[in-house]
Amino acid sequence: MTLTKGHCPMTQFNCQITRRAMLGGLGVGVAAMATAPQASAVLDKDFEAMLMKCIDPRFTTNSWNYMTNRGWQNQYSEFAFAGGPIGAVAPVFAGWHETFWDNLAITVQLHWVERVIGMAHRDCGAAAVAYGDRVLTDRAYETEMLSSALRDFRTQVQQRQPMLAVELGIMDFDGNMELVV
């Protein structure tokens, strides 16, 4: 196979690439990979937390501020899908549950996180899907339902990863976090 000037990475010259040269290069690459030290199963150590949050763009900056104000900038991993912790436990989102739990397990293995932050937020569309539209119009009911889901989330984290601390909160539009015990 001949590559002409227009197709060659070294555009000042014509390139001649034969099948034998390509196979030889491939062989050298395979040999180098086979003799290289094996990568450790633990890529990073001692990260502080994993944040489980909703995908709602209205809370992206505030959730980042919350984590960095705790001194964890670049020291936490993040998992997000609709509803965040609600999506990991509400029956209506059952198809998503194992995805999160598998991700949490690999996060613990690779990053050695010490805690999980379960963050729900006000005016959550996924919460309305899970618990009805009343969560969008009745703040007391919203708090009750989000708190219940967050507690269920904590219970399930502790069953699967008993060594992790779990912190729970409901974020408001102004970025304030109401802790859930």
N, C-alpha and C. Protein backbone atom coordinates (compact mmCIF):
# COMPACT_ATOMS: atom_id res chain seq x y z
N MET A 1 0.85 -1.17 0.00
CA MET A 1 0.00 0.00 0.00
C MET A 1 0.89 1.22 0.00
N THR A 2 0.61 2.17 -0.83
CA THR A 2 1.39 3.40 -0.93
C THR A 2 0.52 4.57 -0.54
N LEU A 3 1.03 5.37 0.38
CA LEU A 3 0.34 6.61 0.73
C LEU A 3 1.04 7.74 0.01
N THR A 4 0.30 8.59 -0.64
CA THR A 4 0.91 9.72 -1.34
C THR A 4 1.04 10.90 -0.41
N LYS A 5 1.68 11.92 -0.91
CA LYS A 5 1.96 13.11 -0.11
C LYS A 5 0.72 13.64 0.63
N GLY A 6 -0.42 13.64 0.02
CA GLY A 6 -1.63 14.18 0.65
C GLY A 6 -2.16 13.32 1.78
N HIS A 7 -1.76 12.06 1.86
CA HIS A 7 -2.26 11.15 2.88
C HIS A 7 -1.23 10.82 3.95
N CYS A 8 -0.05 11.27 3.79
CA CYS A 8 1.04 10.89 4.69
C CYS A 8 1.16 11.90 5.82
N PRO A 9 1.32 11.43 7.07
CA PRO A 9 1.51 12.37 8.17
C PRO A 9 2.73 13.25 7.97
N MET A 10 3.74 12.74 7.30
CA MET A 10 4.92 13.54 7.00
C MET A 10 4.71 14.09 5.59
N THR A 11 4.01 15.18 5.47
CA THR A 11 3.50 15.64 4.18
C THR A 11 4.59 16.08 3.21
N GLN A 12 5.83 16.22 3.63
CA GLN A 12 6.89 16.61 2.71
C GLN A 12 7.41 15.40 1.92
N PHE A 13 7.05 14.20 2.34
CA PHE A 13 7.61 13.00 1.75
C PHE A 13 6.51 12.04 1.34
N ASN A 14 6.82 11.17 0.41
CA ASN A 14 5.92 10.07 0.11
C ASN A 14 6.16 8.96 1.11
N CYS A 15 5.10 8.28 1.54
CA CYS A 15 5.22 7.20 2.51
C CYS A 15 4.98 5.88 1.82
N GLN A 16 5.81 4.91 2.07
CA GLN A 16 5.61 3.55 1.60
C GLN A 16 5.34 2.70 2.83
N ILE A 17 4.13 2.16 2.95
CA ILE A 17 3.79 1.29 4.08
C ILE A 17 3.35 -0.04 3.50
N THR A 18 4.11 -1.07 3.81
CA THR A 18 3.75 -2.40 3.34
C THR A 18 3.02 -3.14 4.45
N ARG A 19 2.36 -4.23 4.05
CA ARG A 19 1.70 -5.07 5.05
C ARG A 19 2.72 -5.62 6.04
N ARG A 20 3.89 -6.01 5.54
CA ARG A 20 4.93 -6.54 6.41
C ARG A 20 5.36 -5.51 7.45
N ALA A 21 5.48 -4.25 7.05
CA ALA A 21 5.88 -3.19 7.99
C ALA A 21 4.78 -2.96 9.02
N MET A 22 3.52 -2.97 8.58
CA MET A 22 2.42 -2.77 9.53
C MET A 22 2.36 -3.91 10.53
N LEU A 23 2.50 -5.16 10.06
CA LEU A 23 2.46 -6.31 10.97
C LEU A 23 3.65 -6.31 11.92
N GLY A 24 4.81 -5.91 11.40
CA GLY A 24 5.99 -5.83 12.26
C GLY A 24 5.81 -4.80 13.36
N GLY A 25 5.25 -3.66 13.01
CA GLY A 25 4.99 -2.63 14.02
C GLY A 25 3.98 -3.08 15.05
N LEU A 26 2.95 -3.78 14.60
CA LEU A 26 1.96 -4.33 15.51
C LEU A 26 2.60 -5.33 16.47
N GLY A 27 3.49 -6.17 15.94
CA GLY A 27 4.19 -7.16 16.78
C GLY A 27 5.03 -6.49 17.85
N VAL A 28 5.73 -5.44 17.50
CA VAL A 28 6.54 -4.71 18.48
C VAL A 28 5.65 -4.13 19.57
N GLY A 29 4.51 -3.56 19.18
CA GLY A 29 3.58 -2.99 20.16
C GLY A 29 3.03 -4.04 21.11
N VAL A 30 2.64 -5.20 20.58
CA VAL A 30 2.12 -6.28 21.42
C VAL A 30 3.20 -6.76 22.38
N ALA A 31 4.42 -6.92 21.89
CA ALA A 31 5.52 -7.37 22.75
C ALA A 31 5.79 -6.37 23.87
N ALA A 32 5.73 -5.09 23.56
CA ALA A 32 5.96 -4.07 24.58
C ALA A 32 4.88 -4.11 25.64
N MET A 33 3.63 -4.29 25.21
CA MET A 33 2.54 -4.36 26.18
C MET A 33 2.65 -5.61 27.05
N ALA A 34 3.08 -6.71 26.47
CA ALA A 34 3.17 -7.96 27.21
C ALA A 34 4.25 -7.93 28.28
N THR A 35 5.32 -7.17 28.03
CA THR A 35 6.42 -7.13 28.99
C THR A 35 6.36 -5.95 29.94
N ALA A 36 5.40 -5.03 29.72
CA ALA A 36 5.27 -3.85 30.59
C ALA A 36 4.71 -4.27 31.94
N PRO A 37 5.06 -3.57 33.02
CA PRO A 37 4.48 -3.87 34.33
C PRO A 37 2.96 -3.73 34.26
N GLN A 38 2.26 -4.60 34.93
CA GLN A 38 0.80 -4.57 34.92
C GLN A 38 0.30 -3.41 35.78
N ALA A 39 -0.76 -2.76 35.31
CA ALA A 39 -1.36 -1.65 36.06
C ALA A 39 -2.05 -2.19 37.30
N SER A 40 -1.97 -1.45 38.34
CA SER A 40 -2.62 -1.83 39.59
C SER A 40 -4.13 -1.72 39.45
N ALA A 41 -4.87 -2.54 40.18
CA ALA A 41 -6.32 -2.47 40.17
C ALA A 41 -6.80 -1.20 40.87
N VAL A 42 -5.95 -0.60 41.68
CA VAL A 42 -6.30 0.64 42.37
C VAL A 42 -5.62 1.78 41.64
N LEU A 43 -6.40 2.61 40.97
CA LEU A 43 -5.84 3.69 40.19
C LEU A 43 -5.52 4.91 41.04
N ASP A 44 -6.37 5.23 41.95
CA ASP A 44 -6.20 6.40 42.80
C ASP A 44 -6.53 5.97 44.22
N LYS A 45 -5.94 6.66 45.16
CA LYS A 45 -6.22 6.31 46.55
C LYS A 45 -6.68 7.54 47.31
N ASP A 46 -7.44 7.26 48.33
CA ASP A 46 -7.75 8.25 49.36
C ASP A 46 -8.49 9.49 48.87
N PHE A 47 -9.48 9.31 48.02
CA PHE A 47 -10.35 10.41 47.70
C PHE A 47 -11.40 10.50 48.78
N GLU A 48 -11.89 11.66 49.01
CA GLU A 48 -12.77 11.90 50.15
C GLU A 48 -14.16 11.30 49.99
N ALA A 49 -14.80 11.55 48.85
CA ALA A 49 -16.22 11.23 48.77
C ALA A 49 -16.66 10.90 47.36
N MET A 50 -17.86 10.36 47.31
CA MET A 50 -18.59 10.23 46.05
C MET A 50 -19.87 11.03 46.22
N LEU A 51 -20.14 11.91 45.28
CA LEU A 51 -21.37 12.69 45.28
C LEU A 51 -22.37 12.01 44.35
N MET A 52 -23.54 11.69 44.90
CA MET A 52 -24.63 11.16 44.10
C MET A 52 -25.67 12.25 44.01
N LYS A 53 -25.89 12.76 42.79
CA LYS A 53 -26.77 13.92 42.63
C LYS A 53 -27.61 13.78 41.38
N CYS A 54 -28.56 14.70 41.26
CA CYS A 54 -29.46 14.74 40.12
C CYS A 54 -28.78 15.44 38.93
N ILE A 55 -29.31 15.17 37.76
CA ILE A 55 -28.78 15.78 36.53
C ILE A 55 -29.29 17.20 36.28
N ASP A 56 -30.19 17.68 37.12
CA ASP A 56 -30.82 18.99 36.90
C ASP A 56 -29.76 20.09 36.77
N PRO A 57 -29.69 20.76 35.61
CA PRO A 57 -28.66 21.79 35.40
C PRO A 57 -28.77 22.99 36.34
N ARG A 58 -29.92 23.20 36.94
CA ARG A 58 -30.09 24.34 37.83
C ARG A 58 -29.25 24.20 39.10
N PHE A 59 -28.76 22.99 39.39
CA PHE A 59 -28.04 22.75 40.63
C PHE A 59 -26.58 22.38 40.42
N THR A 60 -26.12 22.40 39.19
CA THR A 60 -24.75 22.00 38.88
C THR A 60 -23.73 22.86 39.62
N THR A 61 -23.83 24.15 39.49
CA THR A 61 -22.87 25.05 40.13
C THR A 61 -22.98 24.98 41.65
N ASN A 62 -24.21 24.97 42.16
CA ASN A 62 -24.37 24.92 43.62
C ASN A 62 -23.85 23.62 44.22
N SER A 63 -24.04 22.50 43.54
CA SER A 63 -23.51 21.25 44.09
C SER A 63 -21.99 21.25 44.04
N TRP A 64 -21.41 21.78 42.97
CA TRP A 64 -19.95 21.91 42.89
C TRP A 64 -19.44 22.83 44.01
N ASN A 65 -20.11 23.96 44.21
CA ASN A 65 -19.72 24.88 45.30
C ASN A 65 -19.79 24.18 46.65
N TYR A 66 -20.83 23.41 46.88
CA TYR A 66 -20.99 22.70 48.15
C TYR A 66 -19.79 21.78 48.39
N MET A 67 -19.42 21.03 47.39
CA MET A 67 -18.31 20.08 47.56
C MET A 67 -16.96 20.80 47.69
N THR A 68 -16.72 21.82 46.89
CA THR A 68 -15.43 22.51 46.97
C THR A 68 -15.33 23.36 48.24
N ASN A 69 -16.44 23.90 48.72
CA ASN A 69 -16.41 24.65 49.97
C ASN A 69 -16.07 23.76 51.16
N ARG A 70 -16.26 22.47 51.00
CA ARG A 70 -15.87 21.51 52.04
C ARG A 70 -14.39 21.12 51.89
N GLY A 71 -13.72 21.70 50.91
CA GLY A 71 -12.30 21.42 50.70
C GLY A 71 -12.03 20.20 49.84
N TRP A 72 -13.02 19.79 49.06
CA TRP A 72 -12.89 18.55 48.31
C TRP A 72 -12.75 18.75 46.81
N GLN A 73 -12.32 19.93 46.38
CA GLN A 73 -12.15 20.15 44.95
C GLN A 73 -11.17 19.10 44.43
N ASN A 74 -11.56 18.41 43.37
CA ASN A 74 -10.76 17.33 42.77
C ASN A 74 -10.48 16.19 43.73
N GLN A 75 -11.26 16.08 44.78
CA GLN A 75 -11.10 15.00 45.76
C GLN A 75 -12.37 14.19 45.92
N TYR A 76 -13.26 14.24 44.94
CA TYR A 76 -14.48 13.45 45.02
C TYR A 76 -14.86 12.99 43.61
N SER A 77 -15.53 11.86 43.56
CA SER A 77 -16.09 11.41 42.30
C SER A 77 -17.57 11.78 42.30
N GLU A 78 -18.19 11.66 41.15
CA GLU A 78 -19.56 12.10 41.04
C GLU A 78 -20.34 11.13 40.15
N PHE A 79 -21.55 10.86 40.56
CA PHE A 79 -22.46 10.06 39.75
C PHE A 79 -23.77 10.83 39.70
N ALA A 80 -24.33 10.97 38.52
CA ALA A 80 -25.57 11.73 38.39
C ALA A 80 -26.51 11.04 37.41
N PHE A 81 -27.74 10.88 37.83
CA PHE A 81 -28.83 10.61 36.92
C PHE A 81 -30.08 11.23 37.50
N ALA A 82 -31.16 11.22 36.74
CA ALA A 82 -32.36 11.92 37.16
C ALA A 82 -32.76 11.51 38.57
N GLY A 83 -32.93 12.50 39.43
CA GLY A 83 -33.31 12.24 40.81
C GLY A 83 -32.15 11.95 41.73
N GLY A 84 -30.98 11.67 41.20
CA GLY A 84 -29.83 11.34 42.04
C GLY A 84 -30.16 10.16 42.95
N PRO A 85 -30.08 10.34 44.25
CA PRO A 85 -30.36 9.24 45.18
C PRO A 85 -31.77 8.67 45.02
N ILE A 86 -32.72 9.50 44.61
CA ILE A 86 -34.08 9.01 44.37
C ILE A 86 -34.06 7.99 43.24
N GLY A 87 -33.32 8.28 42.20
CA GLY A 87 -33.21 7.36 41.07
C GLY A 87 -32.57 6.03 41.43
N ALA A 88 -31.80 6.01 42.52
CA ALA A 88 -31.14 4.78 42.95
C ALA A 88 -32.04 3.90 43.82
N VAL A 89 -33.15 4.47 44.33
CA VAL A 89 -33.98 3.69 45.27
C VAL A 89 -35.47 3.64 44.92
N ALA A 90 -36.01 4.60 44.21
CA ALA A 90 -37.45 4.63 43.93
C ALA A 90 -37.82 3.49 42.98
N PRO A 91 -38.89 2.77 43.29
CA PRO A 91 -39.31 1.64 42.45
C PRO A 91 -39.53 2.00 40.98
N VAL A 92 -40.00 3.20 40.70
CA VAL A 92 -40.26 3.59 39.31
C VAL A 92 -38.97 3.61 38.47
N PHE A 93 -37.83 3.74 39.12
CA PHE A 93 -36.55 3.77 38.43
C PHE A 93 -35.75 2.47 38.64
N ALA A 94 -36.43 1.38 38.86
CA ALA A 94 -35.79 0.09 39.18
C ALA A 94 -34.72 -0.31 38.17
N GLY A 95 -34.91 0.02 36.92
CA GLY A 95 -33.93 -0.33 35.89
C GLY A 95 -32.58 0.35 36.06
N TRP A 96 -32.53 1.40 36.83
CA TRP A 96 -31.29 2.15 37.03
C TRP A 96 -30.51 1.68 38.26
N HIS A 97 -31.16 1.04 39.18
CA HIS A 97 -30.59 0.76 40.50
C HIS A 97 -29.24 0.07 40.41
N GLU A 98 -29.15 -1.04 39.73
CA GLU A 98 -27.89 -1.79 39.70
C GLU A 98 -26.76 -0.99 39.06
N THR A 99 -27.09 -0.12 38.11
CA THR A 99 -26.05 0.71 37.50
C THR A 99 -25.37 1.56 38.57
N PHE A 100 -26.17 2.18 39.43
CA PHE A 100 -25.55 2.98 40.48
C PHE A 100 -24.76 2.12 41.46
N TRP A 101 -25.34 1.01 41.91
CA TRP A 101 -24.65 0.20 42.92
C TRP A 101 -23.37 -0.40 42.36
N ASP A 102 -23.37 -0.78 41.10
CA ASP A 102 -22.13 -1.25 40.48
C ASP A 102 -21.10 -0.13 40.40
N ASN A 103 -21.57 1.07 40.06
CA ASN A 103 -20.66 2.21 39.99
C ASN A 103 -20.08 2.55 41.35
N LEU A 104 -20.91 2.49 42.38
CA LEU A 104 -20.41 2.75 43.73
C LEU A 104 -19.33 1.73 44.11
N ALA A 105 -19.55 0.46 43.79
CA ALA A 105 -18.57 -0.57 44.13
C ALA A 105 -17.23 -0.32 43.45
N ILE A 106 -17.25 0.06 42.17
CA ILE A 106 -15.99 0.31 41.48
C ILE A 106 -15.36 1.61 41.96
N THR A 107 -16.17 2.57 42.35
CA THR A 107 -15.63 3.82 42.90
C THR A 107 -14.89 3.55 44.21
N VAL A 108 -15.45 2.71 45.05
CA VAL A 108 -14.78 2.34 46.30
C VAL A 108 -13.48 1.61 45.99
N GLN A 109 -13.52 0.69 45.03
CA GLN A 109 -12.34 -0.08 44.68
C GLN A 109 -11.23 0.79 44.09
N LEU A 110 -11.59 1.69 43.20
CA LEU A 110 -10.58 2.48 42.51
C LEU A 110 -10.14 3.72 43.27
N HIS A 111 -11.06 4.35 43.98
CA HIS A 111 -10.76 5.66 44.58
C HIS A 111 -10.73 5.65 46.10
N TRP A 112 -11.11 4.55 46.70
CA TRP A 112 -11.08 4.41 48.15
C TRP A 112 -11.80 5.56 48.85
N VAL A 113 -12.95 5.93 48.34
CA VAL A 113 -13.71 7.01 48.97
C VAL A 113 -14.11 6.62 50.38
N GLU A 114 -14.27 7.61 51.22
CA GLU A 114 -14.60 7.38 52.63
C GLU A 114 -16.07 7.61 52.92
N ARG A 115 -16.76 8.31 52.02
CA ARG A 115 -18.15 8.66 52.28
C ARG A 115 -18.90 8.85 50.97
N VAL A 116 -20.21 8.77 51.09
CA VAL A 116 -21.11 9.07 49.98
C VAL A 116 -21.97 10.24 50.41
N ILE A 117 -22.08 11.21 49.55
CA ILE A 117 -22.97 12.34 49.76
C ILE A 117 -24.19 12.12 48.87
N GLY A 118 -25.34 11.89 49.47
CA GLY A 118 -26.59 11.75 48.72
C GLY A 118 -27.28 13.10 48.70
N MET A 119 -27.37 13.72 47.53
CA MET A 119 -27.90 15.08 47.41
C MET A 119 -29.15 15.09 46.54
N ALA A 120 -30.27 15.37 47.16
CA ALA A 120 -31.52 15.61 46.43
C ALA A 120 -31.68 17.14 46.32
N HIS A 121 -32.70 17.58 45.59
CA HIS A 121 -32.90 19.04 45.50
C HIS A 121 -34.37 19.36 45.37
N ARG A 122 -34.68 20.60 45.63
CA ARG A 122 -36.05 21.12 45.54
C ARG A 122 -36.50 21.15 44.08
N ASP A 123 -37.81 21.04 43.89
CA ASP A 123 -38.43 21.17 42.57
C ASP A 123 -37.87 20.14 41.58
N CYS A 124 -37.73 18.91 42.02
CA CYS A 124 -37.13 17.85 41.22
C CYS A 124 -38.20 17.13 40.39
N GLY A 125 -38.04 17.17 39.09
CA GLY A 125 -38.97 16.49 38.20
C GLY A 125 -38.97 14.98 38.39
N ALA A 126 -37.81 14.40 38.66
CA ALA A 126 -37.74 12.95 38.89
C ALA A 126 -38.48 12.57 40.18
N ALA A 127 -38.43 13.43 41.19
CA ALA A 127 -39.18 13.18 42.42
C ALA A 127 -40.67 13.19 42.13
N ALA A 128 -41.10 14.07 41.23
CA ALA A 128 -42.52 14.10 40.84
C ALA A 128 -42.91 12.82 40.12
N VAL A 129 -42.02 12.29 39.30
CA VAL A 129 -42.29 11.03 38.61
C VAL A 129 -42.41 9.91 39.65
N ALA A 130 -41.54 9.93 40.64
CA ALA A 130 -41.52 8.87 41.64
C ALA A 130 -42.64 8.98 42.67
N TYR A 131 -42.99 10.20 43.08
CA TYR A 131 -43.88 10.37 44.22
C TYR A 131 -45.12 11.21 43.93
N GLY A 132 -45.28 11.66 42.71
CA GLY A 132 -46.45 12.44 42.34
C GLY A 132 -46.17 13.94 42.32
N ASP A 133 -47.01 14.66 41.61
CA ASP A 133 -46.83 16.10 41.42
C ASP A 133 -46.94 16.91 42.71
N ARG A 134 -47.50 16.32 43.73
CA ARG A 134 -47.64 17.05 45.00
C ARG A 134 -46.26 17.50 45.53
N VAL A 135 -45.21 16.77 45.22
CA VAL A 135 -43.88 17.18 45.70
C VAL A 135 -43.45 18.52 45.11
N LEU A 136 -44.09 18.93 44.04
CA LEU A 136 -43.74 20.20 43.41
C LEU A 136 -44.55 21.37 43.94
N THR A 137 -45.60 21.09 44.72
CA THR A 137 -46.50 22.16 45.18
C THR A 137 -46.62 22.25 46.69
N ASP A 138 -46.18 21.24 47.40
CA ASP A 138 -46.34 21.18 48.86
C ASP A 138 -44.97 20.94 49.47
N ARG A 139 -44.34 22.03 49.96
CA ARG A 139 -42.96 21.94 50.45
C ARG A 139 -42.81 20.94 51.59
N ALA A 140 -43.75 20.88 52.50
CA ALA A 140 -43.65 19.93 53.62
C ALA A 140 -43.69 18.49 53.10
N TYR A 141 -44.58 18.23 52.17
CA TYR A 141 -44.66 16.89 51.58
C TYR A 141 -43.38 16.57 50.79
N GLU A 142 -42.90 17.56 50.06
CA GLU A 142 -41.64 17.40 49.32
C GLU A 142 -40.51 17.02 50.28
N THR A 143 -40.37 17.74 51.38
CA THR A 143 -39.34 17.45 52.36
C THR A 143 -39.49 16.04 52.92
N GLU A 144 -40.73 15.66 53.23
CA GLU A 144 -41.00 14.33 53.75
C GLU A 144 -40.59 13.24 52.76
N MET A 145 -40.98 13.40 51.50
CA MET A 145 -40.70 12.37 50.50
C MET A 145 -39.21 12.32 50.15
N LEU A 146 -38.58 13.47 49.99
CA LEU A 146 -37.15 13.48 49.70
C LEU A 146 -36.35 12.91 50.86
N SER A 147 -36.72 13.28 52.08
CA SER A 147 -36.02 12.77 53.27
C SER A 147 -36.16 11.26 53.39
N SER A 148 -37.36 10.76 53.12
CA SER A 148 -37.59 9.31 53.17
C SER A 148 -36.75 8.59 52.13
N ALA A 149 -36.70 9.11 50.92
CA ALA A 149 -35.88 8.50 49.86
C ALA A 149 -34.41 8.54 50.22
N LEU A 150 -33.96 9.67 50.78
CA LEU A 150 -32.55 9.78 51.17
C LEU A 150 -32.21 8.79 52.28
N ARG A 151 -33.09 8.60 53.23
CA ARG A 151 -32.84 7.62 54.30
C ARG A 151 -32.78 6.20 53.74
N ASP A 152 -33.66 5.90 52.80
CA ASP A 152 -33.63 4.60 52.13
C ASP A 152 -32.30 4.44 51.39
N PHE A 153 -31.86 5.50 50.73
CA PHE A 153 -30.57 5.49 50.04
C PHE A 153 -29.44 5.17 51.02
N ARG A 154 -29.44 5.85 52.18
CA ARG A 154 -28.41 5.60 53.19
C ARG A 154 -28.42 4.13 53.62
N THR A 155 -29.60 3.60 53.89
CA THR A 155 -29.73 2.21 54.32
C THR A 155 -29.13 1.27 53.27
N GLN A 156 -29.45 1.53 52.02
CA GLN A 156 -28.93 0.65 50.96
C GLN A 156 -27.42 0.79 50.76
N VAL A 157 -26.90 2.01 50.89
CA VAL A 157 -25.44 2.18 50.82
C VAL A 157 -24.79 1.39 51.95
N GLN A 158 -25.30 1.52 53.16
CA GLN A 158 -24.70 0.84 54.31
C GLN A 158 -24.80 -0.67 54.20
N GLN A 159 -25.84 -1.19 53.56
CA GLN A 159 -25.95 -2.63 53.34
C GLN A 159 -24.89 -3.12 52.37
N ARG A 160 -24.61 -2.32 51.34
CA ARG A 160 -23.67 -2.73 50.29
C ARG A 160 -22.22 -2.36 50.61
N GLN A 161 -22.03 -1.23 51.28
CA GLN A 161 -20.70 -0.72 51.57
C GLN A 161 -20.66 -0.23 53.03
N PRO A 162 -20.67 -1.15 53.99
CA PRO A 162 -20.82 -0.76 55.39
C PRO A 162 -19.71 0.13 55.94
N MET A 163 -18.56 0.18 55.29
CA MET A 163 -17.47 1.00 55.80
C MET A 163 -17.60 2.48 55.42
N LEU A 164 -18.55 2.81 54.55
CA LEU A 164 -18.71 4.19 54.11
C LEU A 164 -19.61 4.99 55.03
N ALA A 165 -19.20 6.21 55.30
CA ALA A 165 -20.09 7.17 55.95
C ALA A 165 -21.05 7.68 54.89
N VAL A 166 -22.26 8.02 55.29
CA VAL A 166 -23.25 8.53 54.34
C VAL A 166 -23.80 9.83 54.89
N GLU A 167 -23.73 10.87 54.07
CA GLU A 167 -24.30 12.17 54.42
C GLU A 167 -25.41 12.47 53.43
N LEU A 168 -26.48 13.05 53.93
CA LEU A 168 -27.66 13.29 53.11
C LEU A 168 -28.08 14.75 53.19
N GLY A 169 -28.59 15.27 52.10
CA GLY A 169 -29.08 16.63 52.14
C GLY A 169 -30.01 16.95 50.98
N ILE A 170 -30.80 17.99 51.21
CA ILE A 170 -31.71 18.51 50.20
C ILE A 170 -31.24 19.93 49.88
N MET A 171 -30.88 20.16 48.63
CA MET A 171 -30.38 21.47 48.23
C MET A 171 -31.53 22.35 47.75
N ASP A 172 -31.48 23.60 48.20
CA ASP A 172 -32.46 24.59 47.77
C ASP A 172 -31.88 25.39 46.60
N PHE A 173 -32.70 26.20 45.96
CA PHE A 173 -32.27 26.96 44.79
C PHE A 173 -31.11 27.91 45.07
N ASP A 174 -31.00 28.37 46.32
CA ASP A 174 -29.92 29.30 46.65
C ASP A 174 -28.61 28.59 47.02
N GLY A 175 -28.60 27.26 46.94
CA GLY A 175 -27.41 26.48 47.24
C GLY A 175 -27.30 26.02 48.68
N ASN A 176 -28.23 26.49 49.52
CA ASN A 176 -28.21 26.01 50.90
C ASN A 176 -28.60 24.55 50.94
N MET A 177 -27.92 23.81 51.83
CA MET A 177 -28.16 22.39 51.96
C MET A 177 -28.82 22.13 53.30
N GLU A 178 -29.99 21.52 53.28
CA GLU A 178 -30.69 21.09 54.48
C GLU A 178 -30.28 19.65 54.75
N LEU A 179 -29.55 19.42 55.82
CA LEU A 179 -29.08 18.08 56.12
C LEU A 179 -30.23 17.20 56.58
N VAL A 180 -30.18 15.95 56.20
CA VAL A 180 -31.19 14.96 56.58
C VAL A 180 -30.50 13.93 57.46
N VAL A 181 -31.06 13.72 58.63
CA VAL A 181 -30.47 12.72 59.56
C VAL A 181 -31.28 11.45 59.56
